[in-house]
């Protein structure tokens, strides 16, 4: 059986699509009336989460908080983010973000809509990749097209 170039190219494109797109995270806005967590509840239960902070261009640019539930069997890996070690630091970040209107709360979902954690930011624009059923790598903000 002979395999031609078109078949090989089609196979390789499909493989790249499966590897590159199959493990992407999706973000869904949290709707409070759905009985889901709010920022205040998360902050109040600080010890139940691994919390991370990221800022682009210092504290004047895009900032975000990442909340990874400790005991859910899943893990957000956020190597380029700064760990938030105590409730007082979290309170300072929350005050700064709320004063700038960065109050959106989004669920970070993996394949099969598994909840990996929460993102607090002005917009749902992070780069993340699901490594396996229990691990999601979060890199930072995705670049947005701002037009000409």
C-alpha atoms as a PDB file:
ATOM      1  CA  UNK A   1       0.000   0.000   0.000  1.00  0.00           C
ATOM      2  CA  UNK A   2       1.405   3.329  -1.041  1.00  0.00           C
ATOM      3  CA  UNK A   3       0.666   6.512   0.916  1.00  0.00           C
ATOM      4  CA  UNK A   4       0.624   9.679  -1.149  1.00  0.00           C
ATOM      5  CA  UNK A   5       1.643  13.184  -0.064  1.00  0.00           C
ATOM      6  CA  UNK A   6      -1.952  14.431   0.278  1.00  0.00           C
ATOM      7  CA  UNK A   7      -2.857  11.660   2.700  1.00  0.00           C
ATOM      8  CA  UNK A   8       0.279  12.285   4.753  1.00  0.00           C
ATOM      9  CA  UNK A   9      -0.355  16.024   4.871  1.00  0.00           C
ATOM     10  CA  UNK A  10      -3.987  15.494   5.882  1.00  0.00           C
ATOM     11  CA  UNK A  11      -2.920  13.100   8.643  1.00  0.00           C
ATOM     12  CA  UNK A  12      -0.297  15.529   9.953  1.00  0.00           C
ATOM     13  CA  UNK A  13      -2.752  18.470   9.931  1.00  0.00           C
ATOM     14  CA  UNK A  14      -5.274  16.390  11.861  1.00  0.00           C
ATOM     15  CA  UNK A  15      -2.626  15.365  14.381  1.00  0.00           C
ATOM     16  CA  UNK A  16      -1.520  18.975  14.900  1.00  0.00           C
ATOM     17  CA  UNK A  17      -5.148  20.014  15.360  1.00  0.00           C
ATOM     18  CA  UNK A  18      -5.720  17.300  17.980  1.00  0.00           C
ATOM     19  CA  UNK A  19      -2.569  18.167  19.905  1.00  0.00           C
ATOM     20  CA  UNK A  20      -2.867  21.931  19.606  1.00  0.00           C
ATOM     21  CA  UNK A  21      -6.598  22.482  20.021  1.00  0.00           C
ATOM     22  CA  UNK A  22      -7.777  19.476  21.968  1.00  0.00           C
ATOM     23  CA  UNK A  23      -6.280  20.630  25.255  1.00  0.00           C
ATOM     24  CA  UNK A  24      -7.267  24.282  25.311  1.00  0.00           C
ATOM     25  CA  UNK A  25      -8.929  25.848  28.332  1.00  0.00           C
ATOM     26  CA  UNK A  26     -12.209  27.649  28.033  1.00  0.00           C
ATOM     27  CA  UNK A  27     -13.407  30.485  30.221  1.00  0.00           C
ATOM     28  CA  UNK A  28     -17.016  30.972  31.242  1.00  0.00           C
ATOM     29  CA  UNK A  29     -18.336  33.985  33.165  1.00  0.00           C
ATOM     30  CA  UNK A  30     -19.562  33.105  36.644  1.00  0.00           C
ATOM     31  CA  UNK A  31     -23.246  33.890  37.083  1.00  0.00           C
ATOM     32  CA  UNK A  32     -23.871  34.452  40.799  1.00  0.00           C
ATOM     33  CA  UNK A  33     -27.497  33.324  40.755  1.00  0.00           C
ATOM     34  CA  UNK A  34     -26.305  29.885  39.602  1.00  0.00           C
ATOM     35  CA  UNK A  35     -25.104  29.287  43.178  1.00  0.00           C
ATOM     36  CA  UNK A  36     -21.469  29.476  42.131  1.00  0.00           C
ATOM     37  CA  UNK A  37     -18.553  31.004  44.009  1.00  0.00           C
ATOM     38  CA  UNK A  38     -18.134  34.767  44.205  1.00  0.00           C
ATOM     39  CA  UNK A  39     -14.900  36.691  44.691  1.00  0.00           C
ATOM     40  CA  UNK A  40     -15.972  37.602  48.245  1.00  0.00           C
ATOM     41  CA  UNK A  41     -16.594  33.926  49.092  1.00  0.00           C
ATOM     42  CA  UNK A  42     -13.277  32.879  47.586  1.00  0.00           C
ATOM     43  CA  UNK A  43     -11.396  35.616  49.478  1.00  0.00           C
ATOM     44  CA  UNK A  44     -13.182  34.684  52.705  1.00  0.00           C
ATOM     45  CA  UNK A  45     -12.055  31.061  52.223  1.00  0.00           C
ATOM     46  CA  UNK A  46      -8.518  31.988  51.155  1.00  0.00           C
ATOM     47  CA  UNK A  47      -6.988  28.880  52.744  1.00  0.00           C
ATOM     48  CA  UNK A  48      -9.090  26.646  50.440  1.00  0.00           C
ATOM     49  CA  UNK A  49      -7.294  27.956  47.318  1.00  0.00           C
ATOM     50  CA  UNK A  50      -3.865  28.322  45.806  1.00  0.00           C
ATOM     51  CA  UNK A  51      -3.944  31.951  44.646  1.00  0.00           C
ATOM     52  CA  UNK A  52      -1.737  33.577  41.993  1.00  0.00           C
ATOM     53  CA  UNK A  53      -1.382  37.139  40.692  1.00  0.00           C
ATOM     54  CA  UNK A  54      -0.082  38.458  37.378  1.00  0.00           C
ATOM     55  CA  UNK A  55       0.380  41.993  36.132  1.00  0.00           C
ATOM     56  CA  UNK A  56       1.384  43.142  32.672  1.00  0.00           C
ATOM     57  CA  UNK A  57       3.207  46.508  32.577  1.00  0.00           C
ATOM     58  CA  UNK A  58       3.282  46.813  36.377  1.00  0.00           C
ATOM     59  CA  UNK A  59       0.134  47.517  38.331  1.00  0.00           C
ATOM     60  CA  UNK A  60      -1.064  49.961  35.665  1.00  0.00           C
ATOM     61  CA  UNK A  61      -1.686  47.373  32.958  1.00  0.00           C
ATOM     62  CA  UNK A  62      -3.745  44.204  32.802  1.00  0.00           C
ATOM     63  CA  UNK A  63      -3.848  42.358  36.090  1.00  0.00           C
ATOM     64  CA  UNK A  64      -5.489  39.109  37.086  1.00  0.00           C
ATOM     65  CA  UNK A  65      -5.922  36.724  39.977  1.00  0.00           C
ATOM     66  CA  UNK A  66      -6.034  32.969  39.573  1.00  0.00           C
ATOM     67  CA  UNK A  67      -7.790  30.765  42.159  1.00  0.00           C
ATOM     68  CA  UNK A  68      -6.999  27.039  42.210  1.00  0.00           C
ATOM     69  CA  UNK A  69      -9.169  24.987  44.644  1.00  0.00           C
ATOM     70  CA  UNK A  70      -6.777  22.986  46.848  1.00  0.00           C
ATOM     71  CA  UNK A  71      -8.755  19.783  47.351  1.00  0.00           C
ATOM     72  CA  UNK A  72     -10.461  19.152  44.008  1.00  0.00           C
ATOM     73  CA  UNK A  73      -7.925  16.662  42.620  1.00  0.00           C
ATOM     74  CA  UNK A  74      -6.972  19.058  39.800  1.00  0.00           C
ATOM     75  CA  UNK A  75      -4.085  21.499  39.571  1.00  0.00           C
ATOM     76  CA  UNK A  76      -3.446  24.814  37.849  1.00  0.00           C
ATOM     77  CA  UNK A  77       0.246  25.226  37.082  1.00  0.00           C
ATOM     78  CA  UNK A  78       1.022  28.940  36.936  1.00  0.00           C
ATOM     79  CA  UNK A  79       4.809  29.218  36.838  1.00  0.00           C
ATOM     80  CA  UNK A  80       4.892  32.759  35.425  1.00  0.00           C
ATOM     81  CA  UNK A  81       2.383  34.016  38.016  1.00  0.00           C
ATOM     82  CA  UNK A  82       3.243  35.268  41.525  1.00  0.00           C
ATOM     83  CA  UNK A  83       1.892  33.163  44.401  1.00  0.00           C
ATOM     84  CA  UNK A  84      -0.267  35.111  46.865  1.00  0.00           C
ATOM     85  CA  UNK A  85       0.857  33.852  50.260  1.00  0.00           C
ATOM     86  CA  UNK A  86      -1.573  35.461  52.699  1.00  0.00           C
ATOM     87  CA  UNK A  87      -5.059  36.935  53.011  1.00  0.00           C
ATOM     88  CA  UNK A  88      -3.717  40.461  53.571  1.00  0.00           C
ATOM     89  CA  UNK A  89      -1.845  40.422  50.246  1.00  0.00           C
ATOM     90  CA  UNK A  90      -4.962  39.064  48.528  1.00  0.00           C
ATOM     91  CA  UNK A  91      -7.028  41.874  50.050  1.00  0.00           C
ATOM     92  CA  UNK A  92      -4.600  44.459  48.653  1.00  0.00           C
ATOM     93  CA  UNK A  93      -4.740  42.930  45.170  1.00  0.00           C
ATOM     94  CA  UNK A  94      -8.548  42.770  45.304  1.00  0.00           C
ATOM     95  CA  UNK A  95      -8.842  46.417  46.353  1.00  0.00           C
ATOM     96  CA  UNK A  96      -6.485  47.529  43.573  1.00  0.00           C
ATOM     97  CA  UNK A  97      -8.293  45.463  40.940  1.00  0.00           C
ATOM     98  CA  UNK A  98     -11.775  46.517  42.058  1.00  0.00           C
ATOM     99  CA  UNK A  99     -10.744  50.193  41.977  1.00  0.00           C
ATOM    100  CA  UNK A 100      -9.788  49.717  38.311  1.00  0.00           C
ATOM    101  CA  UNK A 101     -12.910  47.789  37.377  1.00  0.00           C
ATOM    102  CA  UNK A 102     -11.128  44.436  36.941  1.00  0.00           C
ATOM    103  CA  UNK A 103     -13.987  42.545  38.561  1.00  0.00           C
ATOM    104  CA  UNK A 104     -14.932  39.848  36.069  1.00  0.00           C
ATOM    105  CA  UNK A 105     -14.947  36.335  37.491  1.00  0.00           C
ATOM    106  CA  UNK A 106     -14.583  33.421  35.104  1.00  0.00           C
ATOM    107  CA  UNK A 107     -14.546  29.653  35.531  1.00  0.00           C
ATOM    108  CA  UNK A 108     -11.510  27.970  33.992  1.00  0.00           C
ATOM    109  CA  UNK A 109     -12.837  24.834  32.323  1.00  0.00           C
ATOM    110  CA  UNK A 110     -10.982  21.930  30.811  1.00  0.00           C
ATOM    111  CA  UNK A 111     -12.175  19.168  28.566  1.00  0.00           C
ATOM    112  CA  UNK A 112     -15.636  17.840  29.401  1.00  0.00           C
ATOM    113  CA  UNK A 113     -16.264  21.164  31.220  1.00  0.00           C
ATOM    114  CA  UNK A 114     -14.176  20.134  34.250  1.00  0.00           C
ATOM    115  CA  UNK A 115     -13.746  23.080  36.619  1.00  0.00           C
ATOM    116  CA  UNK A 116     -10.049  23.752  37.251  1.00  0.00           C
ATOM    117  CA  UNK A 117     -10.396  27.089  39.048  1.00  0.00           C
ATOM    118  CA  UNK A 118     -11.327  30.741  38.661  1.00  0.00           C
ATOM    119  CA  UNK A 119      -9.876  33.810  36.976  1.00  0.00           C
ATOM    120  CA  UNK A 120     -10.597  37.338  38.176  1.00  0.00           C
ATOM    121  CA  UNK A 121      -9.789  39.889  35.475  1.00  0.00           C
ATOM    122  CA  UNK A 122     -11.329  42.605  33.339  1.00  0.00           C
ATOM    123  CA  UNK A 123     -11.510  40.239  30.346  1.00  0.00           C
ATOM    124  CA  UNK A 124     -11.282  36.521  29.776  1.00  0.00           C
ATOM    125  CA  UNK A 125      -8.008  36.442  27.870  1.00  0.00           C
ATOM    126  CA  UNK A 126      -5.456  33.984  29.223  1.00  0.00           C
ATOM    127  CA  UNK A 127      -3.298  31.419  27.503  1.00  0.00           C
ATOM    128  CA  UNK A 128      -3.740  27.976  29.025  1.00  0.00           C
ATOM    129  CA  UNK A 129      -3.339  24.357  27.991  1.00  0.00           C
ATOM    130  CA  UNK A 130      -4.757  21.228  29.553  1.00  0.00           C
ATOM    131  CA  UNK A 131      -1.866  18.802  30.029  1.00  0.00           C
ATOM    132  CA  UNK A 132      -3.927  15.857  31.259  1.00  0.00           C
ATOM    133  CA  UNK A 133      -7.231  15.174  33.023  1.00  0.00           C
ATOM    134  CA  UNK A 134      -5.954  16.744  36.242  1.00  0.00           C
ATOM    135  CA  UNK A 135      -3.454  19.411  35.161  1.00  0.00           C
ATOM    136  CA  UNK A 136      -3.878  22.760  33.399  1.00  0.00           C
ATOM    137  CA  UNK A 137      -0.928  25.037  32.602  1.00  0.00           C
ATOM    138  CA  UNK A 138      -1.761  28.757  32.687  1.00  0.00           C
ATOM    139  CA  UNK A 139       0.801  31.001  31.007  1.00  0.00           C
ATOM    140  CA  UNK A 140      -0.536  34.555  31.053  1.00  0.00           C
ATOM    141  CA  UNK A 141      -2.617  36.862  28.925  1.00  0.00           C
ATOM    142  CA  UNK A 142      -3.219  36.071  25.271  1.00  0.00           C
ATOM    143  CA  UNK A 143      -2.339  38.825  22.863  1.00  0.00           C
ATOM    144  CA  UNK A 144      -5.379  40.586  21.481  1.00  0.00           C
ATOM    145  CA  UNK A 145      -5.657  42.203  18.094  1.00  0.00           C
ATOM    146  CA  UNK A 146      -6.098  45.884  18.719  1.00  0.00           C
ATOM    147  CA  UNK A 147      -6.600  46.804  15.066  1.00  0.00           C
ATOM    148  CA  UNK A 148      -4.527  48.953  12.739  1.00  0.00           C
END
